[in-house]
Amino acid sequence: MAKHSTREAAQLLGVSMATINRYVALKTIPVPPLTQVGGVTVRLWSDRAIAKARAILGGFADGRRTRHRKAKEPRRQSER
């Protein structure tokens, strides 16, 4: 089972590093535990954790929640 850094997880999810850090801070996606690697504390993302995050992020359109957007009125075709 491969372990990925947060930067690699962001690339695999198709979002920026800042976006994944924001989702982690807001607890929007499940967060892997902190791990000490060479004296540095990091989050190591498993393939399973990335799959869970992908399932949650799939509900967002353009990275934003869409529930507060107004419904667009259908376009009227002009009469010629």
PDB file of N, CA and C in Angstrom:
ATOM      1  N   MET A   1       0.856  -1.182   0.000  1.00  0.00           N
ATOM      2  CA  MET A   1       0.000   0.000   0.000  1.00  0.00           C
ATOM      3  C   MET A   1       0.894   1.233   0.000  1.00  0.00           C
ATOM      4  N   ALA A   2       0.736   2.055  -0.996  1.00  0.00           N
ATOM      5  CA  ALA A   2       1.569   3.246  -1.147  1.00  0.00           C
ATOM      6  C   ALA A   2       1.097   4.357  -0.219  1.00  0.00           C
ATOM      7  N   LYS A   3       2.036   5.136   0.243  1.00  0.00           N
ATOM      8  CA  LYS A   3       1.732   6.309   1.062  1.00  0.00           C
ATOM      9  C   LYS A   3       2.142   7.541   0.268  1.00  0.00           C
ATOM     10  N   HIS A   4       1.317   8.563   0.311  1.00  0.00           N
ATOM     11  CA  HIS A   4       1.550   9.780  -0.458  1.00  0.00           C
ATOM     12  C   HIS A   4       1.621  10.974   0.479  1.00  0.00           C
ATOM     13  N   SER A   5       2.411  11.967   0.104  1.00  0.00           N
ATOM     14  CA  SER A   5       2.456  13.219   0.850  1.00  0.00           C
ATOM     15  C   SER A   5       1.180  13.999   0.555  1.00  0.00           C
ATOM     16  N   THR A   6       0.959  15.053   1.305  1.00  0.00           N
ATOM     17  CA  THR A   6      -0.223  15.881   1.071  1.00  0.00           C
ATOM     18  C   THR A   6      -0.151  16.530  -0.305  1.00  0.00           C
ATOM     19  N   ARG A   7       1.041  16.926  -0.740  1.00  0.00           N
ATOM     20  CA  ARG A   7       1.204  17.526  -2.069  1.00  0.00           C
ATOM     21  C   ARG A   7       0.853  16.515  -3.164  1.00  0.00           C
ATOM     22  N   GLU A   8       1.321  15.275  -3.012  1.00  0.00           N
ATOM     23  CA  GLU A   8       1.000  14.237  -3.990  1.00  0.00           C
ATOM     24  C   GLU A   8      -0.489  13.910  -3.970  1.00  0.00           C
ATOM     25  N   ALA A   9      -1.094  13.883  -2.781  1.00  0.00           N
ATOM     26  CA  ALA A   9      -2.528  13.619  -2.672  1.00  0.00           C
ATOM     27  C   ALA A   9      -3.327  14.707  -3.379  1.00  0.00           C
ATOM     28  N   ALA A  10      -2.896  15.952  -3.230  1.00  0.00           N
ATOM     29  CA  ALA A  10      -3.576  17.067  -3.903  1.00  0.00           C
ATOM     30  C   ALA A  10      -3.497  16.898  -5.414  1.00  0.00           C
ATOM     31  N   GLN A  11      -2.339  16.499  -5.921  1.00  0.00           N
ATOM     32  CA  GLN A  11      -2.194  16.289  -7.362  1.00  0.00           C
ATOM     33  C   GLN A  11      -3.090  15.154  -7.828  1.00  0.00           C
ATOM     34  N   LEU A  12      -3.151  14.068  -7.059  1.00  0.00           N
ATOM     35  CA  LEU A  12      -3.995  12.939  -7.442  1.00  0.00           C
ATOM     36  C   LEU A  12      -5.480  13.298  -7.417  1.00  0.00           C
ATOM     37  N   LEU A  13      -5.854  14.216  -6.513  1.00  0.00           N
ATOM     38  CA  LEU A  13      -7.251  14.648  -6.408  1.00  0.00           C
ATOM     39  C   LEU A  13      -7.589  15.749  -7.414  1.00  0.00           C
ATOM     40  N   GLY A  14      -6.571  16.355  -8.016  1.00  0.00           N
ATOM     41  CA  GLY A  14      -6.816  17.412  -8.990  1.00  0.00           C
ATOM     42  C   GLY A  14      -7.137  18.755  -8.361  1.00  0.00           C
ATOM     43  N   VAL A  15      -6.639  18.983  -7.151  1.00  0.00           N
ATOM     44  CA  VAL A  15      -6.839  20.266  -6.474  1.00  0.00           C
ATOM     45  C   VAL A  15      -5.474  20.805  -6.069  1.00  0.00           C
ATOM     46  N   SER A  16      -5.434  22.055  -5.667  1.00  0.00           N
ATOM     47  CA  SER A  16      -4.166  22.644  -5.251  1.00  0.00           C
ATOM     48  C   SER A  16      -3.847  22.245  -3.810  1.00  0.00           C
ATOM     49  N   MET A  17      -2.605  22.465  -3.446  1.00  0.00           N
ATOM     50  CA  MET A  17      -2.160  22.179  -2.074  1.00  0.00           C
ATOM     51  C   MET A  17      -2.941  23.036  -1.074  1.00  0.00           C
ATOM     52  N   ALA A  18      -3.190  24.296  -1.431  1.00  0.00           N
ATOM     53  CA  ALA A  18      -3.944  25.192  -0.544  1.00  0.00           C
ATOM     54  C   ALA A  18      -5.370  24.682  -0.346  1.00  0.00           C
ATOM     55  N   THR A  19      -5.968  24.145  -1.403  1.00  0.00           N
ATOM     56  CA  THR A  19      -7.339  23.641  -1.309  1.00  0.00           C
ATOM     57  C   THR A  19      -7.413  22.446  -0.383  1.00  0.00           C
ATOM     58  N   ILE A  20      -6.495  21.500  -0.530  1.00  0.00           N
ATOM     59  CA  ILE A  20      -6.540  20.315   0.324  1.00  0.00           C
ATOM     60  C   ILE A  20      -6.260  20.696   1.776  1.00  0.00           C
ATOM     61  N   ASN A  21      -5.357  21.660   2.005  1.00  0.00           N
ATOM     62  CA  ASN A  21      -5.105  22.116   3.375  1.00  0.00           C
ATOM     63  C   ASN A  21      -6.337  22.792   3.970  1.00  0.00           C
ATOM     64  N   ARG A  22      -7.082  23.532   3.139  1.00  0.00           N
ATOM     65  CA  ARG A  22      -8.304  24.179   3.619  1.00  0.00           C
ATOM     66  C   ARG A  22      -9.346  23.128   4.001  1.00  0.00           C
ATOM     67  N   TYR A  23      -9.505  22.093   3.161  1.00  0.00           N
ATOM     68  CA  TYR A  23     -10.456  21.023   3.458  1.00  0.00           C
ATOM     69  C   TYR A  23     -10.055  20.257   4.713  1.00  0.00           C
ATOM     70  N   VAL A  24      -8.757  20.080   4.924  1.00  0.00           N
ATOM     71  CA  VAL A  24      -8.277  19.412   6.134  1.00  0.00           C
ATOM     72  C   VAL A  24      -8.610  20.264   7.358  1.00  0.00           C
ATOM     73  N   ALA A  25      -8.365  21.577   7.276  1.00  0.00           N
ATOM     74  CA  ALA A  25      -8.635  22.473   8.404  1.00  0.00           C
ATOM     75  C   ALA A  25     -10.125  22.532   8.730  1.00  0.00           C
ATOM     76  N   LEU A  26     -10.968  22.498   7.685  1.00  0.00           N
ATOM     77  CA  LEU A  26     -12.419  22.549   7.889  1.00  0.00           C
ATOM     78  C   LEU A  26     -13.022  21.178   8.201  1.00  0.00           C
ATOM     79  N   LYS A  27     -12.189  20.150   8.142  1.00  0.00           N
ATOM     80  CA  LYS A  27     -12.615  18.767   8.367  1.00  0.00           C
ATOM     81  C   LYS A  27     -13.696  18.347   7.374  1.00  0.00           C
ATOM     82  N   THR A  28     -13.571  18.843   6.139  1.00  0.00           N
ATOM     83  CA  THR A  28     -14.489  18.475   5.068  1.00  0.00           C
ATOM     84  C   THR A  28     -14.189  17.067   4.579  1.00  0.00           C
ATOM     85  N   ILE A  29     -12.919  16.704   4.573  1.00  0.00           N
ATOM     86  CA  ILE A  29     -12.508  15.377   4.145  1.00  0.00           C
ATOM     87  C   ILE A  29     -11.859  14.661   5.328  1.00  0.00           C
ATOM     88  N   PRO A  30     -11.914  13.329   5.355  1.00  0.00           N
ATOM     89  CA  PRO A  30     -11.266  12.603   6.447  1.00  0.00           C
ATOM     90  C   PRO A  30      -9.754  12.825   6.406  1.00  0.00           C
ATOM     91  N   VAL A  31      -9.165  13.048   7.553  1.00  0.00           N
ATOM     92  CA  VAL A  31      -7.761  13.420   7.644  1.00  0.00           C
ATOM     93  C   VAL A  31      -6.948  12.238   8.150  1.00  0.00           C
ATOM     94  N   PRO A  32      -5.869  11.875   7.456  1.00  0.00           N
ATOM     95  CA  PRO A  32      -5.011  10.815   7.971  1.00  0.00           C
ATOM     96  C   PRO A  32      -4.242  11.303   9.200  1.00  0.00           C
ATOM     97  N   PRO A  33      -3.839  10.389  10.046  1.00  0.00           N
ATOM     98  CA  PRO A  33      -3.122  10.813  11.264  1.00  0.00           C
ATOM     99  C   PRO A  33      -1.739  11.379  10.937  1.00  0.00           C
ATOM    100  N   LEU A  34      -1.227  12.176  11.860  1.00  0.00           N
ATOM    101  CA  LEU A  34       0.110  12.725  11.718  1.00  0.00           C
ATOM    102  C   LEU A  34       1.133  11.621  11.990  1.00  0.00           C
ATOM    103  N   THR A  35       2.219  11.636  11.219  1.00  0.00           N
ATOM    104  CA  THR A  35       3.268  10.629  11.333  1.00  0.00           C
ATOM    105  C   THR A  35       4.617  11.323  11.363  1.00  0.00           C
ATOM    106  N   GLN A  36       5.528  10.823  12.185  1.00  0.00           N
ATOM    107  CA  GLN A  36       6.880  11.371  12.233  1.00  0.00           C
ATOM    108  C   GLN A  36       7.750  10.639  11.223  1.00  0.00           C
ATOM    109  N   VAL A  37       8.332  11.396  10.294  1.00  0.00           N
ATOM    110  CA  VAL A  37       9.231  10.842   9.292  1.00  0.00           C
ATOM    111  C   VAL A  37      10.512  11.659   9.322  1.00  0.00           C
ATOM    112  N   GLY A  38      11.598  11.059   9.784  1.00  0.00           N
ATOM    113  CA  GLY A  38      12.882  11.755   9.820  1.00  0.00           C
ATOM    114  C   GLY A  38      12.867  13.015  10.658  1.00  0.00           C
ATOM    115  N   GLY A  39      12.130  13.022  11.738  1.00  0.00           N
ATOM    116  CA  GLY A  39      12.070  14.191  12.607  1.00  0.00           C
ATOM    117  C   GLY A  39      11.090  15.254  12.156  1.00  0.00           C
ATOM    118  N   VAL A  40      10.346  14.984  11.090  1.00  0.00           N
ATOM    119  CA  VAL A  40       9.352  15.920  10.579  1.00  0.00           C
ATOM    120  C   VAL A  40       7.976  15.279  10.718  1.00  0.00           C
ATOM    121  N   THR A  41       7.009  16.041  11.155  1.00  0.00           N
ATOM    122  CA  THR A  41       5.650  15.536  11.295  1.00  0.00           C
ATOM    123  C   THR A  41       4.887  15.808  10.007  1.00  0.00           C
ATOM    124  N   VAL A  42       4.368  14.741   9.391  1.00  0.00           N
ATOM    125  CA  VAL A  42       3.652  14.853   8.123  1.00  0.00           C
ATOM    126  C   VAL A  42       2.393  14.000   8.166  1.00  0.00           C
ATOM    127  N   ARG A  43       1.520  14.236   7.197  1.00  0.00           N
ATOM    128  CA  ARG A  43       0.358  13.378   7.001  1.00  0.00           C
ATOM    129  C   ARG A  43       0.661  12.483   5.809  1.00  0.00           C
ATOM    130  N   LEU A  44       0.564  11.187   6.005  1.00  0.00           N
ATOM    131  CA  LEU A  44       0.782  10.245   4.910  1.00  0.00           C
ATOM    132  C   LEU A  44      -0.565   9.706   4.465  1.00  0.00           C
ATOM    133  N   TRP A  45      -0.910   9.955   3.220  1.00  0.00           N
ATOM    134  CA  TRP A  45      -2.200   9.590   2.661  1.00  0.00           C
ATOM    135  C   TRP A  45      -2.115   8.226   1.999  1.00  0.00           C
ATOM    136  N   SER A  46      -2.974   7.314   2.402  1.00  0.00           N
ATOM    137  CA  SER A  46      -3.044   6.006   1.756  1.00  0.00           C
ATOM    138  C   SER A  46      -3.937   6.125   0.520  1.00  0.00           C
ATOM    139  N   ASP A  47      -3.888   5.116  -0.321  1.00  0.00           N
ATOM    140  CA  ASP A  47      -4.760   5.109  -1.505  1.00  0.00           C
ATOM    141  C   ASP A  47      -6.227   5.113  -1.082  1.00  0.00           C
ATOM    142  N   ARG A  48      -6.520   4.447   0.021  1.00  0.00           N
ATOM    143  CA  ARG A  48      -7.902   4.389   0.524  1.00  0.00           C
ATOM    144  C   ARG A  48      -8.387   5.771   0.990  1.00  0.00           C
ATOM    145  N   ALA A  49      -7.514   6.505   1.702  1.00  0.00           N
ATOM    146  CA  ALA A  49      -7.874   7.850   2.174  1.00  0.00           C
ATOM    147  C   ALA A  49      -8.089   8.796   0.988  1.00  0.00           C
ATOM    148  N   ILE A  50      -7.277   8.640  -0.045  1.00  0.00           N
ATOM    149  CA  ILE A  50      -7.431   9.482  -1.238  1.00  0.00           C
ATOM    150  C   ILE A  50      -8.736   9.144  -1.945  1.00  0.00           C
ATOM    151  N   ALA A  51      -9.096   7.854  -1.984  1.00  0.00           N
ATOM    152  CA  ALA A  51     -10.358   7.455  -2.608  1.00  0.00           C
ATOM    153  C   ALA A  51     -11.554   8.024  -1.847  1.00  0.00           C
ATOM    154  N   LYS A  52     -11.497   8.026  -0.512  1.00  0.00           N
ATOM    155  CA  LYS A  52     -12.582   8.604   0.294  1.00  0.00           C
ATOM    156  C   LYS A  52     -12.708  10.104   0.027  1.00  0.00           C
ATOM    157  N   ALA A  53     -11.564  10.790  -0.022  1.00  0.00           N
ATOM    158  CA  ALA A  53     -11.581  12.233  -0.283  1.00  0.00           C
ATOM    159  C   ALA A  53     -12.115  12.513  -1.681  1.00  0.00           C
ATOM    160  N   ARG A  54     -11.753  11.689  -2.650  1.00  0.00           N
ATOM    161  CA  ARG A  54     -12.231  11.867  -4.026  1.00  0.00           C
ATOM    162  C   ARG A  54     -13.753  11.722  -4.082  1.00  0.00           C
ATOM    163  N   ALA A  55     -14.299  10.768  -3.323  1.00  0.00           N
ATOM    164  CA  ALA A  55     -15.752  10.566  -3.306  1.00  0.00           C
ATOM    165  C   ALA A  55     -16.460  11.791  -2.731  1.00  0.00           C
ATOM    166  N   ILE A  56     -15.886  12.397  -1.705  1.00  0.00           N
ATOM    167  CA  ILE A  56     -16.493  13.579  -1.093  1.00  0.00           C
ATOM    168  C   ILE A  56     -16.356  14.788  -2.017  1.00  0.00           C
ATOM    169  N   LEU A  57     -15.178  14.965  -2.610  1.00  0.00           N
ATOM    170  CA  LEU A  57     -14.949  16.116  -3.474  1.00  0.00           C
ATOM    171  C   LEU A  57     -15.721  16.014  -4.780  1.00  0.00           C
ATOM    172  N   GLY A  58     -16.139  14.823  -5.150  1.00  0.00           N
ATOM    173  CA  GLY A  58     -16.922  14.656  -6.371  1.00  0.00           C
ATOM    174  C   GLY A  58     -18.274  15.339  -6.291  1.00  0.00           C
ATOM    175  N   GLY A  59     -18.758  15.619  -5.073  1.00  0.00           N
ATOM    176  CA  GLY A  59     -20.032  16.298  -4.893  1.00  0.00           C
ATOM    177  C   GLY A  59     -19.948  17.799  -5.065  1.00  0.00           C
ATOM    178  N   PHE A  60     -18.745  18.312  -5.235  1.00  0.00           N
ATOM    179  CA  PHE A  60     -18.554  19.750  -5.404  1.00  0.00           C
ATOM    180  C   PHE A  60     -18.389  20.037  -6.886  1.00  0.00           C
ATOM    181  N   ALA A  61     -19.034  21.054  -7.371  1.00  0.00           N
ATOM    182  CA  ALA A  61     -18.864  21.486  -8.759  1.00  0.00           C
ATOM    183  C   ALA A  61     -17.873  22.643  -8.772  1.00  0.00           C
ATOM    184  N   ASP A  62     -16.840  22.540  -9.552  1.00  0.00           N
ATOM    185  CA  ASP A  62     -15.797  23.553  -9.638  1.00  0.00           C
ATOM    186  C   ASP A  62     -15.189  23.844  -8.275  1.00  0.00           C
ATOM    187  N   GLY A  63     -15.157  22.845  -7.383  1.00  0.00           N
ATOM    188  CA  GLY A  63     -14.559  23.037  -6.077  1.00  0.00           C
ATOM    189  C   GLY A  63     -15.416  23.845  -5.126  1.00  0.00           C
ATOM    190  N   ARG A  64     -16.630  24.162  -5.522  1.00  0.00           N
ATOM    191  CA  ARG A  64     -17.508  24.958  -4.662  1.00  0.00           C
ATOM    192  C   ARG A  64     -18.812  24.218  -4.437  1.00  0.00           C
ATOM    193  N   ARG A  65     -19.386  24.462  -3.309  1.00  0.00           N
ATOM    194  CA  ARG A  65     -20.700  23.889  -3.059  1.00  0.00           C
ATOM    195  C   ARG A  65     -21.709  24.692  -3.862  1.00  0.00           C
ATOM    196  N   THR A  66     -22.647  24.034  -4.459  1.00  0.00           N
ATOM    197  CA  THR A  66     -23.548  24.720  -5.383  1.00  0.00           C
ATOM    198  C   THR A  66     -24.950  24.914  -4.824  1.00  0.00           C
ATOM    199  N   ARG A  67     -25.165  24.578  -3.585  1.00  0.00           N
ATOM    200  CA  ARG A  67     -26.539  24.649  -3.068  1.00  0.00           C
ATOM    201  C   ARG A  67     -27.068  26.069  -2.935  1.00  0.00           C
ATOM    202  N   HIS A  68     -26.191  27.085  -2.870  1.00  0.00           N
ATOM    203  CA  HIS A  68     -26.651  28.453  -2.684  1.00  0.00           C
ATOM    204  C   HIS A  68     -26.733  29.241  -3.985  1.00  0.00           C
ATOM    205  N   ARG A  69     -26.416  28.611  -5.067  1.00  0.00           N
ATOM    206  CA  ARG A  69     -26.479  29.322  -6.350  1.00  0.00           C
ATOM    207  C   ARG A  69     -27.915  29.420  -6.829  1.00  0.00           C
ATOM    208  N   LYS A  70     -28.203  30.521  -7.483  1.00  0.00           N
ATOM    209  CA  LYS A  70     -29.530  30.691  -8.047  1.00  0.00           C
ATOM    210  C   LYS A  70     -29.685  29.803  -9.268  1.00  0.00           C
ATOM    211  N   ALA A  71     -30.882  29.324  -9.465  1.00  0.00           N
ATOM    212  CA  ALA A  71     -31.159  28.556 -10.681  1.00  0.00           C
ATOM    213  C   ALA A  71     -31.207  29.525 -11.852  1.00  0.00           C
ATOM    214  N   LYS A  72     -30.550  29.155 -12.922  1.00  0.00           N
ATOM    215  CA  LYS A  72     -30.546  30.025 -14.093  1.00  0.00           C
ATOM    216  C   LYS A  72     -31.858  29.873 -14.847  1.00  0.00           C
ATOM    217  N   GLU A  73     -32.348  31.001 -15.339  1.00  0.00           N
ATOM    218  CA  GLU A  73     -33.566  30.968 -16.138  1.00  0.00           C
ATOM    219  C   GLU A  73     -33.229  30.437 -17.516  1.00  0.00           C
ATOM    220  N   PRO A  74     -34.123  29.659 -18.096  1.00  0.00           N
ATOM    221  CA  PRO A  74     -33.831  29.157 -19.439  1.00  0.00           C
ATOM    222  C   PRO A  74     -33.755  30.305 -20.429  1.00  0.00           C
ATOM    223  N   ARG A  75     -32.850  30.161 -21.376  1.00  0.00           N
ATOM    224  CA  ARG A  75     -32.700  31.208 -22.389  1.00  0.00           C
ATOM    225  C   ARG A  75     -33.866  31.188 -23.354  1.00  0.00           C
ATOM    226  N   ARG A  76     -34.300  32.360 -23.698  1.00  0.00           N
ATOM    227  CA  ARG A  76     -35.386  32.458 -24.667  1.00  0.00           C
ATOM    228  C   ARG A  76     -34.785  32.662 -26.040  1.00  0.00           C
ATOM    229  N   GLN A  77     -35.275  31.948 -26.991  1.00  0.00           N
ATOM    230  CA  GLN A  77     -34.776  32.145 -28.337  1.00  0.00           C
ATOM    231  C   GLN A  77     -35.490  33.347 -28.944  1.00  0.00           C
ATOM    232  N   SER A  78     -34.724  34.223 -29.500  1.00  0.00           N
ATOM    233  CA  SER A  78     -35.332  35.417 -30.083  1.00  0.00           C
ATOM    234  C   SER A  78     -36.040  35.069 -31.383  1.00  0.00           C
ATOM    235  N   GLU A  79     -37.154  35.755 -31.605  1.00  0.00           N
ATOM    236  CA  GLU A  79     -37.916  35.519 -32.819  1.00  0.00           C
ATOM    237  C   GLU A  79     -37.317  36.319 -33.969  1.00  0.00           C
ATOM    238  N   ARG A  80     -37.206  35.715 -35.110  1.00  0.00           N
ATOM    239  CA  ARG A  80     -36.579  36.386 -36.252  1.00  0.00           C
ATOM    240  C   ARG A  80     -37.595  36.797 -37.250  1.00  0.00           C
TER     241      ARG A  80
END
